[in-house]
Amino acid sequence: MPLPLGQFIEENGPILLDGGLATTLESHGAQLDSHLWSAKLLIEAPEEIRWAHEQFLRSGSQVISSSSYQFSHDTLAAMGFSKSAADDLLRKSIAIAKQSIKQLHPGREEQFFVAASLGPFGATLGDGSEYTGNYGAHGIDQIMNLHDERMRVLSTTKADVFAFETIPRGDEALAIAQRMRDFPAWEFWLSFQLRDPECLANGDRFHDLILQLEAYDNLVAIGVNCLAPPLATQALKLALGKSKKPIFVYPNSGEVYNRGKWTASNEASDLLIEAEKWLKLGVAGIGGCCRTSPKTIAELAKIIEKFRRLP
Protein backbone atom coordinates (compact mmCIF):
# COMPACT_ATOMS: atom_id res chain seq x y z
CA MET A 1 0.00 0.00 0.00
CA PRO A 2 1.47 3.42 -0.93
CA LEU A 3 2.50 5.73 1.89
CA PRO A 4 0.72 9.05 2.41
CA LEU A 5 2.76 11.90 0.96
CA GLY A 6 3.66 13.30 4.37
CA GLN A 7 4.96 10.00 5.65
CA PHE A 8 6.85 9.37 2.40
CA ILE A 9 8.70 12.68 2.79
CA GLU A 10 9.41 12.01 6.46
CA GLU A 11 10.97 8.63 5.65
CA ASN A 12 12.76 9.48 2.39
CA GLY A 13 13.70 13.13 2.47
CA PRO A 14 12.72 15.99 0.16
CA ILE A 15 10.58 15.26 -2.86
CA LEU A 16 10.78 16.63 -6.39
CA LEU A 17 7.67 18.30 -7.78
CA ASP A 18 7.06 18.99 -11.46
CA GLY A 19 7.29 22.28 -13.37
CA GLY A 20 5.20 24.51 -15.57
CA LEU A 21 2.53 22.34 -17.20
CA ALA A 22 1.16 25.14 -19.38
CA THR A 23 4.68 26.22 -20.35
CA THR A 24 5.47 22.68 -21.46
CA LEU A 25 2.22 22.32 -23.38
CA GLU A 26 2.73 25.64 -25.15
CA SER A 27 6.27 24.63 -26.11
CA HIS A 28 4.66 21.67 -27.89
CA GLY A 29 2.30 23.89 -29.86
CA ALA A 30 -0.75 24.03 -27.58
CA GLN A 31 -2.91 27.16 -27.72
CA LEU A 32 -4.18 27.83 -24.19
CA ASP A 33 -6.15 31.02 -24.84
CA SER A 34 -9.02 30.06 -22.57
CA HIS A 35 -10.34 30.70 -19.06
CA LEU A 36 -9.73 26.97 -18.58
CA TRP A 37 -6.00 27.31 -19.40
CA SER A 38 -4.40 23.82 -19.43
CA ALA A 39 -7.76 22.23 -18.63
CA LYS A 40 -8.84 23.29 -22.12
CA LEU A 41 -6.89 20.30 -23.44
CA LEU A 42 -8.95 17.88 -21.35
CA ILE A 43 -11.60 18.61 -23.98
CA GLU A 44 -9.50 19.10 -27.10
CA ALA A 45 -6.31 17.04 -26.76
CA PRO A 46 -5.96 14.95 -23.59
CA GLU A 47 -3.05 13.05 -25.15
CA GLU A 48 -1.06 16.31 -25.03
CA ILE A 49 -1.56 16.53 -21.27
CA ARG A 50 -0.38 12.95 -20.86
CA TRP A 51 2.67 13.74 -23.00
CA ALA A 52 3.56 16.73 -20.80
CA HIS A 53 3.19 14.71 -17.58
CA GLU A 54 5.50 12.08 -19.02
CA GLN A 55 8.16 14.69 -19.81
CA PHE A 56 8.28 15.66 -16.15
CA LEU A 57 8.32 12.05 -15.01
CA ARG A 58 11.24 11.34 -17.34
CA SER A 59 13.00 14.34 -15.80
CA GLY A 60 12.66 12.95 -12.27
CA SER A 61 9.44 14.41 -10.87
CA GLN A 62 7.88 12.37 -8.09
CA VAL A 63 4.76 14.52 -7.81
CA ILE A 64 2.66 15.23 -10.91
CA SER A 65 0.12 18.07 -10.75
CA SER A 66 -3.13 17.54 -12.61
CA SER A 67 -4.33 19.87 -15.36
CA SER A 68 -7.15 21.20 -13.18
CA TYR A 69 -5.58 24.41 -11.79
CA GLN A 70 -7.95 26.77 -13.60
CA PHE A 71 -10.87 24.34 -13.86
CA SER A 72 -14.25 25.96 -13.20
CA HIS A 73 -17.73 24.47 -13.32
CA ASP A 74 -19.13 27.93 -14.09
CA THR A 75 -16.81 28.37 -17.07
CA LEU A 76 -17.78 24.97 -18.44
CA ALA A 77 -21.46 25.69 -17.88
CA ALA A 78 -21.09 28.85 -19.97
CA MET A 79 -19.53 26.65 -22.68
CA GLY A 80 -22.60 24.39 -22.67
CA PHE A 81 -21.32 21.54 -20.48
CA SER A 82 -23.69 19.91 -18.03
CA LYS A 83 -22.62 19.55 -14.42
CA SER A 84 -22.06 15.81 -14.80
CA ALA A 85 -19.98 16.35 -17.97
CA ALA A 86 -17.86 18.92 -16.14
CA ASP A 87 -17.41 16.50 -13.24
CA ASP A 88 -16.23 13.84 -15.67
CA LEU A 89 -13.63 16.21 -17.14
CA LEU A 90 -12.29 17.00 -13.68
CA ARG A 91 -11.98 13.31 -12.87
CA LYS A 92 -10.27 12.84 -16.21
CA SER A 93 -7.48 15.21 -15.18
CA ILE A 94 -6.56 12.84 -12.36
CA ALA A 95 -6.93 9.70 -14.46
CA ILE A 96 -4.54 11.06 -17.10
CA ALA A 97 -1.89 11.86 -14.49
CA LYS A 98 -2.26 8.39 -12.95
CA GLN A 99 -1.99 6.76 -16.36
CA SER A 100 1.21 8.69 -17.05
CA ILE A 101 2.81 7.32 -13.90
CA LYS A 102 1.69 3.77 -14.67
CA GLN A 103 3.04 4.07 -18.20
CA LEU A 104 6.46 5.43 -17.18
CA HIS A 105 6.98 3.58 -13.88
CA PRO A 106 5.05 0.28 -13.95
CA GLY A 107 5.29 -1.56 -10.67
CA ARG A 108 6.69 1.49 -8.88
CA GLU A 109 3.56 3.62 -8.76
CA GLU A 110 3.69 3.84 -4.95
CA GLN A 111 6.78 6.05 -5.22
CA PHE A 112 4.93 8.72 -7.22
CA PHE A 113 2.03 11.00 -6.37
CA VAL A 114 -0.71 12.85 -8.21
CA ALA A 115 -1.55 16.24 -6.78
CA ALA A 116 -5.00 17.54 -7.65
CA SER A 117 -4.02 21.07 -8.66
CA LEU A 118 -6.50 23.70 -7.49
CA GLY A 119 -5.88 27.34 -8.26
CA PRO A 120 -7.36 30.21 -6.25
CA PHE A 121 -10.66 31.86 -7.05
CA GLY A 122 -8.76 34.64 -8.79
CA ALA A 123 -7.30 32.24 -11.35
CA THR A 124 -10.75 31.48 -12.74
CA LEU A 125 -11.44 35.19 -13.27
CA GLY A 126 -8.74 35.25 -15.94
CA ASP A 127 -7.60 38.77 -14.99
CA GLY A 128 -4.40 38.00 -13.09
CA SER A 129 -6.01 38.59 -9.69
CA GLU A 130 -4.28 35.55 -8.22
CA TYR A 131 -1.22 37.85 -8.24
CA THR A 132 -2.98 40.64 -6.36
CA GLY A 133 -5.75 39.03 -4.30
CA ASN A 134 -8.14 41.74 -5.52
CA TYR A 135 -11.37 39.84 -6.12
CA GLY A 136 -13.57 42.93 -6.25
CA ALA A 137 -17.08 42.34 -4.95
CA HIS A 138 -16.72 38.56 -4.79
CA GLY A 139 -17.23 37.43 -1.20
CA ILE A 140 -15.96 34.38 0.66
CA ASP A 141 -19.15 32.38 -0.02
CA GLN A 142 -18.70 32.76 -3.76
CA ILE A 143 -15.00 31.99 -3.44
CA MET A 144 -15.75 28.78 -1.57
CA ASN A 145 -18.47 27.70 -4.01
CA LEU A 146 -15.69 27.23 -6.56
CA HIS A 147 -13.52 25.24 -4.18
CA ASP A 148 -16.41 23.19 -2.80
CA GLU A 149 -17.50 22.02 -6.25
CA ARG A 150 -14.01 20.88 -7.17
CA MET A 151 -13.26 19.27 -3.81
CA ARG A 152 -16.53 17.34 -3.97
CA VAL A 153 -15.58 15.78 -7.29
CA LEU A 154 -11.89 15.24 -6.63
CA SER A 155 -12.62 13.43 -3.37
CA THR A 156 -14.10 10.64 -5.53
CA THR A 157 -10.88 10.19 -7.54
CA LYS A 158 -7.56 8.43 -6.97
CA ALA A 159 -5.61 11.65 -6.46
CA ASP A 160 -3.07 11.40 -3.65
CA VAL A 161 -3.20 14.94 -2.30
CA PHE A 162 -5.04 18.23 -2.88
CA ALA A 163 -2.73 21.09 -3.92
CA PHE A 164 -4.25 24.54 -3.41
CA GLU A 165 -1.83 26.78 -5.27
CA THR A 166 -0.97 30.46 -5.76
CA ILE A 167 -3.37 31.49 -2.97
CA PRO A 168 -3.12 35.29 -2.61
CA ARG A 169 -5.38 35.86 0.42
CA GLY A 170 -5.50 34.72 4.02
CA ASP A 171 -9.29 34.46 4.23
CA GLU A 172 -9.36 32.14 1.22
CA ALA A 173 -6.61 29.95 2.68
CA LEU A 174 -8.26 29.65 6.09
CA ALA A 175 -11.66 28.88 4.56
CA ILE A 176 -10.09 26.11 2.47
CA ALA A 177 -8.29 24.66 5.48
CA GLN A 178 -11.49 24.71 7.51
CA ARG A 179 -13.43 23.00 4.72
CA MET A 180 -10.74 20.32 4.42
CA ARG A 181 -11.70 19.20 7.91
CA ASP A 182 -14.70 17.68 6.16
CA PHE A 183 -12.22 15.48 4.26
CA PRO A 184 -10.02 14.20 7.11
CA ALA A 185 -8.63 11.29 5.08
CA TRP A 186 -7.25 13.66 2.45
CA GLU A 187 -3.88 15.34 2.79
CA PHE A 188 -3.58 18.79 1.26
CA TRP A 189 -1.05 21.53 0.85
CA LEU A 190 -1.50 25.28 0.60
CA SER A 191 0.93 27.30 -1.49
CA PHE A 192 0.90 31.07 -1.55
CA GLN A 193 1.52 34.03 -3.82
CA LEU A 194 3.51 36.76 -2.06
CA ARG A 195 4.19 40.42 -2.79
CA ASP A 196 7.19 40.52 -0.42
CA PRO A 197 8.79 38.09 2.07
CA GLU A 198 6.32 38.96 4.82
CA CYS A 199 3.02 39.53 3.01
CA LEU A 200 0.64 37.65 0.76
CA ALA A 201 -0.28 39.26 -2.53
CA ASN A 202 -3.17 41.17 -0.94
CA GLY A 203 -1.12 42.38 2.02
CA ASP A 204 -2.14 39.81 4.64
CA ARG A 205 0.70 38.85 6.96
CA PHE A 206 2.17 35.57 5.73
CA HIS A 207 3.68 34.53 9.02
CA ASP A 208 0.57 35.23 11.08
CA LEU A 209 -1.28 32.96 8.67
CA ILE A 210 1.32 30.21 9.03
CA LEU A 211 0.76 30.15 12.77
CA GLN A 212 -3.01 29.80 12.31
CA LEU A 213 -2.53 26.92 9.87
CA GLU A 214 -0.62 24.82 12.41
CA ALA A 215 -3.98 23.65 13.78
CA TYR A 216 -4.96 21.69 10.65
CA ASP A 217 -3.78 18.10 10.98
CA ASN A 218 -4.25 17.02 7.36
CA LEU A 219 -2.32 20.04 6.04
CA VAL A 220 0.76 18.19 4.82
CA ALA A 221 2.80 21.21 3.71
CA ILE A 222 2.86 24.98 3.33
CA GLY A 223 4.44 26.40 0.20
CA VAL A 224 5.16 29.38 -2.00
CA ASN A 225 4.86 29.21 -5.77
CA CYS A 226 4.92 31.30 -8.95
CA LEU A 227 7.14 34.01 -7.54
CA ALA A 228 10.74 34.97 -8.32
CA PRO A 229 13.37 32.61 -6.84
CA PRO A 230 15.07 35.29 -4.68
CA LEU A 231 11.75 36.26 -3.10
CA ALA A 232 11.09 32.58 -2.42
CA THR A 233 14.42 32.35 -0.60
CA GLN A 234 13.70 35.40 1.54
CA ALA A 235 10.22 34.14 2.45
CA LEU A 236 11.53 30.66 3.16
CA LYS A 237 14.07 31.86 5.71
CA LEU A 238 11.26 33.48 7.67
CA ALA A 239 8.72 30.68 7.20
CA LEU A 240 11.02 27.95 8.47
CA GLY A 241 11.28 29.75 11.76
CA LYS A 242 7.52 29.98 12.15
CA SER A 243 6.04 26.71 10.91
CA LYS A 244 6.43 23.13 12.01
CA LYS A 245 4.81 22.03 8.76
CA PRO A 246 6.97 20.82 5.85
CA ILE A 247 7.73 23.58 3.35
CA PHE A 248 7.41 23.36 -0.46
CA VAL A 249 9.03 25.87 -2.80
CA TYR A 250 8.28 25.99 -6.52
CA PRO A 251 8.85 29.42 -8.04
CA ASN A 252 8.58 30.62 -11.60
CA SER A 253 11.62 31.38 -13.73
CA GLY A 254 12.01 34.88 -12.28
CA GLU A 255 9.97 36.59 -14.96
CA VAL A 256 7.03 38.85 -14.11
CA TYR A 257 3.46 38.35 -15.37
CA ASN A 258 1.74 41.61 -16.34
CA ARG A 259 -1.15 42.29 -18.72
CA GLY A 260 -1.11 38.78 -20.10
CA LYS A 261 2.63 38.66 -20.80
CA TRP A 262 5.76 37.40 -19.05
CA THR A 263 8.67 39.82 -18.96
CA ALA A 264 12.17 39.68 -17.52
CA SER A 265 12.66 40.90 -13.96
CA ASN A 266 15.64 42.73 -12.50
CA GLU A 267 15.33 40.33 -9.57
CA ALA A 268 15.59 37.23 -11.75
CA SER A 269 18.01 34.67 -10.35
CA ASP A 270 19.15 31.21 -11.24
CA LEU A 271 16.49 28.92 -9.79
CA LEU A 272 19.02 26.12 -9.59
CA ILE A 273 21.39 28.12 -7.40
CA GLU A 274 18.54 29.11 -5.10
CA ALA A 275 17.27 25.51 -4.94
CA GLU A 276 20.45 24.30 -3.27
CA LYS A 277 19.97 27.00 -0.62
CA TRP A 278 16.40 25.85 -0.02
CA LEU A 279 17.42 22.25 0.45
CA LYS A 280 20.21 23.20 2.85
CA LEU A 281 17.65 25.11 4.87
CA GLY A 282 15.53 21.96 5.09
CA VAL A 283 12.63 22.31 2.66
CA ALA A 284 10.54 19.20 2.03
CA GLY A 285 9.76 19.71 -1.65
CA ILE A 286 11.08 21.73 -4.58
CA GLY A 287 9.98 22.21 -8.17
CA GLY A 288 9.00 24.89 -10.63
CA CYS A 289 5.95 26.83 -11.72
CA CYS A 290 5.30 29.04 -14.75
CA ARG A 291 8.08 29.30 -17.34
CA THR A 292 9.95 26.29 -15.96
CA SER A 293 10.43 23.23 -18.15
CA PRO A 294 11.22 19.52 -17.85
CA LYS A 295 14.84 20.50 -18.50
CA THR A 296 14.81 22.61 -15.34
CA ILE A 297 13.29 19.74 -13.38
CA ALA A 298 16.00 17.39 -14.66
CA GLU A 299 18.63 19.77 -13.28
CA LEU A 300 16.78 20.00 -9.97
CA ALA A 301 16.76 16.19 -9.84
CA LYS A 302 20.55 16.18 -9.79
CA ILE A 303 20.60 18.67 -6.94
CA ILE A 304 17.96 17.02 -4.80
CA GLU A 305 19.65 13.61 -5.07
CA LYS A 306 22.26 14.73 -2.54
CA PHE A 307 19.56 15.41 0.04
CA ARG A 308 17.37 12.31 -0.32
CA ARG A 309 17.35 9.09 1.63
CA LEU A 310 15.89 6.88 -1.09
CA PRO A 311 17.71 3.54 -1.59
Foldseek 3Di string as FASTA:
>chain_A
DFDAPLVCCVVKNFFEAEAALLQALVVVPDDQPALLRQLVCLPVPLVSSLVQLLLLVVLPHQEYEFSRASQFPVRVVVVVDDLVRSLVSLLVRQVSNLVSCCVVPPPPNSSHFYEHHYEFPVSSVVPPCLQAVCPDPDDLVNRVVRVVSSCVSCVPHPGRAYEYESHQDLVNVVVVLVVCVVVLVHAYEYEHRPPALQHGNNRHGPLVSQLVSQPRPSHQEYEYEAAALVRRLSNLVVNVVRHPHAYEYAYAQQWDDDPRDTHHDPPGDHNLVSLLVNVVVPHRYYYYYPNDGSVNSSSVSVSCVVGIRDD
